[in-house]
Amino acid sequence: MTEPQSAKISRVLDFRAIVLLTILCASWGVQQVTIKIANQGVSPILQSGLRSTGAAILVWIWMAIRREPLFKKDGTLWWGMGAGILFAGEFILIYLGLVFTNASRAVIFLYMSPFVVALGSQLFIPGEHLKKFQVIGLCCAFTGIVIAFKESLNFPTYNMLIGDCMLASAALLWGAATVLIKASPLAGIAHGKTLLYQLGVSALVLPAASLAVGEPGVVLITPLIAFCLAYQTVWVAFITYLVWFWLIRHYLVSRIASFTFLTPIFGVLAGGLLLNETVSNSLLLALLLVGTGIYLVNRPDINNNLKR
């Protein structure tokens, strides 16, 4: 039997959730820098496959220590396989899309994902209904992302359009995976097993995809590249993803998804601090809009007033 699917769901993000989500977004923003560094020695899709493989082993060990069953019949196998395929497809599209378009354009299209989560929540998750001010909040946060990367919104070439479509499709898969996990029996099992489904499937699919597209593979390993791979594997794919799935189980996904708009902002800041990349003056305005949008999506008294 599965654990009860209706683990108590909080309709409001408390202080703990806000702190955890901010840490996750900062960690994922820094990951963008570690991927750029590791790309100097390890091909991107293979890099993601190695990350999934290492993290899957860590999750397996973690669950074994906690004596959480992996193979009991709980009706989640095909749901888990579906979530894993969506997860793997998302990263294939991200990395292939970046071949055709630049990273700053990619950010804008990838962070359409919270809108996919919002729409999917309305359709498939009982009790998750965004009100007018929450939709305004999502639009406000997305506007902040566009402003932060507005320099990249020049007239696209044909290749850029291909990349843009790939990144938009990746956003669709990312949002779909989040909604699938919340709306299916996966919401009622241990969050470690949910993560293991995604990591296990992607650990098989991503290396095969790397071979299929002809990536050179591992060409150079330095201490810095090794550290970047370890950061992606241990901290991001193992620890932060476990926390993310715990949050999905205990809070409304439409609320927590709004926080992901912070990730590219943290990525820009990390690039400026660690790689000496240019940080535009519009970043402060972008931060203000993203923060305002997150506040509108999660402000409790607005939600209560709109229900009257």
Protein backbone atom coordinates (compact mmCIF):
# COMPACT_ATOMS: atom_id res chain seq x y z
CA MET A 1 0.00 0.00 0.00
CA THR A 2 1.14 3.54 -0.61
CA GLU A 3 1.49 6.15 2.06
CA PRO A 4 -1.60 8.35 2.31
CA GLN A 5 -1.70 10.65 -0.65
CA SER A 6 -3.34 13.37 1.39
CA ALA A 7 -0.38 14.25 3.54
CA LYS A 8 -1.49 17.56 4.98
CA ILE A 9 -1.24 20.21 2.26
CA SER A 10 -0.51 23.74 3.37
CA ARG A 11 -2.24 26.39 1.27
CA VAL A 12 0.21 29.05 2.49
CA LEU A 13 3.99 29.01 2.22
CA ASP A 14 5.36 29.32 5.75
CA PHE A 15 8.76 30.71 6.69
CA ARG A 16 10.43 27.29 6.41
CA ALA A 17 9.13 26.77 2.88
CA ILE A 18 10.20 30.27 1.80
CA VAL A 19 13.73 29.76 3.14
CA LEU A 20 14.03 26.32 1.54
CA LEU A 21 12.75 27.56 -1.84
CA THR A 22 15.16 30.50 -1.80
CA ILE A 23 18.07 28.15 -1.07
CA LEU A 24 16.96 25.83 -3.86
CA CYS A 25 16.69 28.64 -6.41
CA ALA A 26 20.10 30.02 -5.41
CA SER A 27 21.59 26.52 -5.72
CA TRP A 28 20.07 26.00 -9.15
CA GLY A 29 21.29 29.42 -10.25
CA VAL A 30 24.85 28.56 -9.20
CA GLN A 31 24.45 25.25 -11.04
CA GLN A 32 24.24 27.19 -14.30
CA VAL A 33 27.78 28.42 -13.63
CA THR A 34 29.06 24.94 -12.76
CA ILE A 35 27.57 23.56 -15.99
CA LYS A 36 29.38 26.22 -18.03
CA ILE A 37 32.67 25.38 -16.30
CA ALA A 38 32.24 21.61 -16.62
CA ASN A 39 31.34 21.98 -20.32
CA GLN A 40 35.04 22.66 -20.91
CA GLY A 41 35.78 19.00 -20.20
CA VAL A 42 32.52 17.03 -20.28
CA SER A 43 29.86 17.18 -22.99
CA PRO A 44 26.59 18.73 -21.75
CA ILE A 45 24.10 15.88 -22.20
CA LEU A 46 26.60 13.32 -20.92
CA GLN A 47 27.28 15.67 -18.00
CA SER A 48 23.59 15.58 -17.11
CA GLY A 49 23.56 11.80 -17.48
CA LEU A 50 26.52 11.39 -15.14
CA ARG A 51 24.77 13.67 -12.67
CA SER A 52 21.61 11.56 -12.76
CA THR A 53 23.56 8.31 -12.41
CA GLY A 54 25.55 9.49 -9.39
CA ALA A 55 22.52 11.04 -7.70
CA ALA A 56 20.42 7.91 -8.31
CA ILE A 57 23.04 5.83 -6.47
CA LEU A 58 23.02 8.31 -3.57
CA VAL A 59 19.21 8.27 -3.34
CA TRP A 60 19.25 4.46 -3.39
CA ILE A 61 21.76 4.40 -0.51
CA TRP A 62 19.79 7.05 1.39
CA MET A 63 16.57 5.07 1.09
CA ALA A 64 18.32 1.84 2.11
CA ILE A 65 19.67 3.51 5.26
CA ARG A 66 16.17 4.74 6.08
CA ARG A 67 14.79 1.26 5.25
CA GLU A 68 12.28 2.68 2.81
CA PRO A 69 11.03 -0.05 0.45
CA LEU A 70 11.82 0.39 -3.23
CA PHE A 71 10.06 -2.51 -4.90
CA LYS A 72 6.73 -2.88 -3.12
CA LYS A 73 3.70 -2.81 -5.38
CA ASP A 74 2.13 0.60 -4.97
CA GLY A 75 0.73 1.25 -8.44
CA THR A 76 3.30 3.93 -9.28
CA LEU A 77 5.60 2.15 -11.76
CA TRP A 78 4.16 3.56 -14.97
CA TRP A 79 3.56 6.96 -13.42
CA GLY A 80 7.17 7.00 -12.28
CA MET A 81 8.43 5.92 -15.70
CA GLY A 82 6.39 8.70 -17.26
CA ALA A 83 7.84 11.28 -14.86
CA GLY A 84 11.35 10.00 -15.61
CA ILE A 85 10.83 10.27 -19.38
CA LEU A 86 9.55 13.85 -19.00
CA PHE A 87 12.57 14.69 -16.82
CA ALA A 88 15.05 13.21 -19.31
CA GLY A 89 13.32 14.82 -22.28
CA GLU A 90 13.44 18.20 -20.57
CA PHE A 91 17.22 18.11 -20.20
CA ILE A 92 17.80 16.76 -23.71
CA LEU A 93 15.80 19.67 -25.13
CA ILE A 94 17.59 22.20 -22.91
CA TYR A 95 21.06 21.09 -23.91
CA LEU A 96 20.24 20.62 -27.60
CA GLY A 97 18.38 23.93 -27.65
CA LEU A 98 21.44 25.73 -26.34
CA VAL A 99 23.29 24.60 -29.48
CA PHE A 100 20.93 26.77 -31.56
CA THR A 101 20.16 29.72 -29.28
CA ASN A 102 22.00 31.67 -26.61
CA ALA A 103 21.66 31.08 -22.89
CA SER A 104 19.90 34.35 -22.08
CA ARG A 105 17.17 33.71 -24.66
CA ALA A 106 16.90 30.16 -23.33
CA VAL A 107 16.16 31.42 -19.82
CA ILE A 108 13.13 33.40 -20.99
CA PHE A 109 11.55 30.43 -22.75
CA LEU A 110 12.45 27.88 -20.08
CA TYR A 111 10.84 29.92 -17.32
CA MET A 112 7.47 29.72 -18.99
CA SER A 113 7.23 26.53 -16.91
CA PRO A 114 5.34 28.09 -13.94
CA PHE A 115 2.53 28.98 -16.34
CA VAL A 116 2.36 25.33 -17.41
CA VAL A 117 2.19 24.33 -13.74
CA ALA A 118 -0.52 26.91 -13.07
CA LEU A 119 -2.67 25.70 -15.99
CA GLY A 120 -2.07 22.03 -15.20
CA SER A 121 -2.97 22.61 -11.55
CA GLN A 122 -6.27 24.16 -12.59
CA LEU A 123 -7.10 21.16 -14.78
CA PHE A 124 -5.76 18.17 -12.87
CA ILE A 125 -5.18 18.97 -9.18
CA PRO A 126 -8.24 19.45 -6.95
CA GLY A 127 -8.09 22.54 -4.76
CA GLU A 128 -5.37 24.31 -6.76
CA HIS A 129 -7.09 27.31 -8.32
CA LEU A 130 -5.19 30.50 -9.01
CA LYS A 131 -7.13 33.71 -8.58
CA LYS A 132 -6.81 36.93 -10.56
CA PHE A 133 -4.12 38.49 -8.40
CA GLN A 134 -2.08 35.30 -8.45
CA VAL A 135 -2.14 35.22 -12.25
CA ILE A 136 -1.06 38.87 -12.20
CA GLY A 137 1.77 37.85 -9.87
CA LEU A 138 2.98 35.16 -12.28
CA CYS A 139 2.91 37.65 -15.16
CA CYS A 140 4.75 40.22 -13.04
CA ALA A 141 7.51 37.74 -12.17
CA PHE A 142 7.85 36.64 -15.79
CA THR A 143 8.09 40.29 -16.86
CA GLY A 144 11.01 40.61 -14.45
CA ILE A 145 12.78 37.73 -16.21
CA VAL A 146 12.20 39.34 -19.62
CA ILE A 147 13.59 42.66 -18.37
CA ALA A 148 16.66 40.97 -16.89
CA PHE A 149 17.47 39.39 -20.26
CA LYS A 150 15.93 41.93 -22.62
CA GLU A 151 19.18 42.47 -24.50
CA SER A 152 18.89 38.96 -25.89
CA LEU A 153 15.45 39.54 -27.42
CA ASN A 154 16.81 40.69 -30.76
CA PHE A 155 15.29 39.54 -34.02
CA PRO A 156 15.87 35.78 -34.07
CA THR A 157 17.59 33.84 -36.81
CA TYR A 158 16.15 30.59 -38.10
CA ASN A 159 18.49 28.60 -35.85
CA MET A 160 17.48 30.69 -32.84
CA LEU A 161 13.83 29.93 -33.55
CA ILE A 162 14.64 26.22 -33.50
CA GLY A 163 16.40 26.62 -30.16
CA ASP A 164 13.58 28.75 -28.78
CA CYS A 165 11.05 26.06 -29.68
CA MET A 166 13.20 23.43 -27.97
CA LEU A 167 13.43 25.50 -24.79
CA ALA A 168 9.70 26.22 -24.79
CA SER A 169 9.11 22.47 -25.18
CA ALA A 170 11.50 21.84 -22.28
CA ALA A 171 9.43 24.25 -20.16
CA LEU A 172 6.31 22.31 -21.12
CA LEU A 173 7.92 19.02 -20.03
CA TRP A 174 9.21 20.53 -16.78
CA GLY A 175 5.78 21.85 -15.86
CA ALA A 176 4.07 18.63 -16.97
CA ALA A 177 6.39 16.54 -14.78
CA THR A 178 5.61 18.70 -11.74
CA VAL A 179 1.84 18.43 -12.30
CA LEU A 180 2.08 14.68 -13.00
CA ILE A 181 3.88 14.05 -9.72
CA LYS A 182 1.34 16.05 -7.72
CA ALA A 183 -1.78 14.74 -9.49
CA SER A 184 -0.83 11.04 -9.62
CA PRO A 185 -0.22 8.28 -7.03
CA LEU A 186 3.39 9.53 -6.92
CA ALA A 187 2.19 12.21 -4.50
CA GLY A 188 1.47 9.51 -1.94
CA ILE A 189 4.79 7.68 -1.86
CA ALA A 190 8.14 8.53 -0.28
CA HIS A 191 9.62 11.54 -2.07
CA GLY A 192 12.92 9.66 -2.38
CA LYS A 193 11.27 7.01 -4.53
CA THR A 194 9.67 9.69 -6.72
CA LEU A 195 13.08 11.24 -7.28
CA LEU A 196 14.62 7.83 -7.94
CA TYR A 197 12.14 7.22 -10.73
CA GLN A 198 13.26 10.43 -12.47
CA LEU A 199 16.97 9.94 -11.87
CA GLY A 200 16.92 6.25 -12.78
CA VAL A 201 15.17 6.74 -16.11
CA SER A 202 17.29 9.76 -17.03
CA ALA A 203 20.48 7.88 -16.05
CA LEU A 204 19.63 5.43 -18.84
CA VAL A 205 18.24 7.87 -21.41
CA LEU A 206 20.72 10.77 -21.23
CA PRO A 207 23.98 8.86 -21.91
CA ALA A 208 22.24 7.15 -24.85
CA ALA A 209 21.10 10.55 -26.13
CA SER A 210 24.68 11.82 -25.79
CA LEU A 211 25.90 9.01 -28.02
CA ALA A 212 23.05 9.55 -30.48
CA VAL A 213 23.92 13.22 -31.05
CA GLY A 214 27.64 12.45 -31.34
CA GLU A 215 28.95 14.27 -28.28
CA PRO A 216 32.72 13.85 -27.70
CA GLY A 217 32.13 12.78 -24.09
CA VAL A 218 34.75 13.30 -21.39
CA VAL A 219 37.75 15.13 -22.84
CA LEU A 220 39.23 16.79 -19.76
CA ILE A 221 38.97 16.40 -15.99
CA THR A 222 40.52 18.99 -13.69
CA PRO A 223 39.92 19.46 -9.94
CA LEU A 224 37.59 22.37 -10.72
CA ILE A 225 35.58 20.37 -13.27
CA ALA A 226 35.39 17.46 -10.82
CA PHE A 227 34.11 19.81 -8.13
CA CYS A 228 31.47 21.20 -10.51
CA LEU A 229 30.29 17.67 -11.33
CA ALA A 230 30.19 16.79 -7.63
CA TYR A 231 28.19 19.95 -6.87
CA GLN A 232 25.62 19.09 -9.54
CA THR A 233 25.41 15.47 -8.41
CA VAL A 234 25.52 15.59 -4.62
CA TRP A 235 24.07 18.98 -3.78
CA VAL A 236 21.69 19.70 -6.67
CA ALA A 237 20.41 16.38 -8.02
CA PHE A 238 20.50 14.53 -4.67
CA ILE A 239 19.87 16.99 -1.84
CA THR A 240 17.98 19.90 -3.41
CA TYR A 241 15.79 17.65 -5.56
CA LEU A 242 14.81 15.63 -2.47
CA VAL A 243 13.81 18.87 -0.78
CA TRP A 244 11.89 19.97 -3.91
CA PHE A 245 9.83 16.78 -4.00
CA TRP A 246 9.14 17.09 -0.27
CA LEU A 247 7.87 20.61 -0.91
CA ILE A 248 5.69 19.42 -3.82
CA ARG A 249 4.10 16.90 -1.50
CA HIS A 250 3.33 19.35 1.32
CA TYR A 251 2.48 22.63 -0.47
CA LEU A 252 0.42 23.79 -3.44
CA VAL A 253 2.58 23.39 -6.55
CA SER A 254 1.26 26.56 -8.16
CA ARG A 255 2.64 28.51 -5.20
CA ILE A 256 6.07 26.90 -5.02
CA ALA A 257 6.49 27.01 -8.82
CA SER A 258 6.36 30.82 -8.69
CA PHE A 259 9.61 30.81 -6.71
CA THR A 260 11.52 29.24 -9.61
CA PHE A 261 11.53 32.67 -11.29
CA LEU A 262 14.33 33.50 -8.82
CA THR A 263 16.64 30.86 -10.31
CA PRO A 264 17.81 32.77 -13.43
CA ILE A 265 18.27 35.92 -11.35
CA PHE A 266 20.55 33.99 -8.99
CA GLY A 267 22.25 32.55 -12.08
CA VAL A 268 23.06 36.03 -13.37
CA LEU A 269 24.39 37.09 -9.96
CA ALA A 270 26.49 33.94 -9.70
CA GLY A 271 27.88 34.49 -13.19
CA GLY A 272 28.84 38.04 -12.24
CA LEU A 273 30.48 36.99 -8.97
CA LEU A 274 32.18 33.78 -10.11
CA LEU A 275 32.79 34.25 -13.84
CA ASN A 276 33.09 38.06 -14.02
CA GLU A 277 30.18 38.16 -16.45
CA THR A 278 28.39 41.47 -16.99
CA VAL A 279 25.45 42.15 -14.67
CA SER A 280 23.08 44.70 -16.23
CA ASN A 281 21.61 47.64 -14.35
CA SER A 282 18.12 46.31 -15.07
CA LEU A 283 18.71 43.39 -12.70
CA LEU A 284 17.47 45.35 -9.68
CA LEU A 285 14.20 46.15 -11.45
CA ALA A 286 13.93 42.50 -12.46
CA LEU A 287 14.45 41.41 -8.85
CA LEU A 288 11.76 43.84 -7.71
CA LEU A 289 9.25 42.51 -10.25
CA VAL A 290 10.06 38.86 -9.50
CA GLY A 291 9.76 39.48 -5.77
CA THR A 292 6.47 41.34 -6.22
CA GLY A 293 5.12 38.55 -8.39
CA ILE A 294 6.03 35.87 -5.86
CA TYR A 295 4.42 37.95 -3.12
CA LEU A 296 1.17 38.29 -5.06
CA VAL A 297 1.00 34.57 -5.79
CA ASN A 298 1.54 33.64 -2.15
CA ARG A 299 -0.10 36.45 -0.15
CA PRO A 300 -2.64 34.72 2.15
CA ASP A 301 -5.09 37.58 2.77
CA ILE A 302 -5.55 38.20 -0.97
CA ASN A 303 -6.42 34.53 -1.47
CA ASN A 304 -8.91 34.62 1.42
CA ASN A 305 -10.57 37.83 0.23
CA LEU A 306 -11.02 36.48 -3.27
CA LYS A 307 -12.84 33.46 -1.94
CA ARG A 308 -15.59 35.57 -0.33
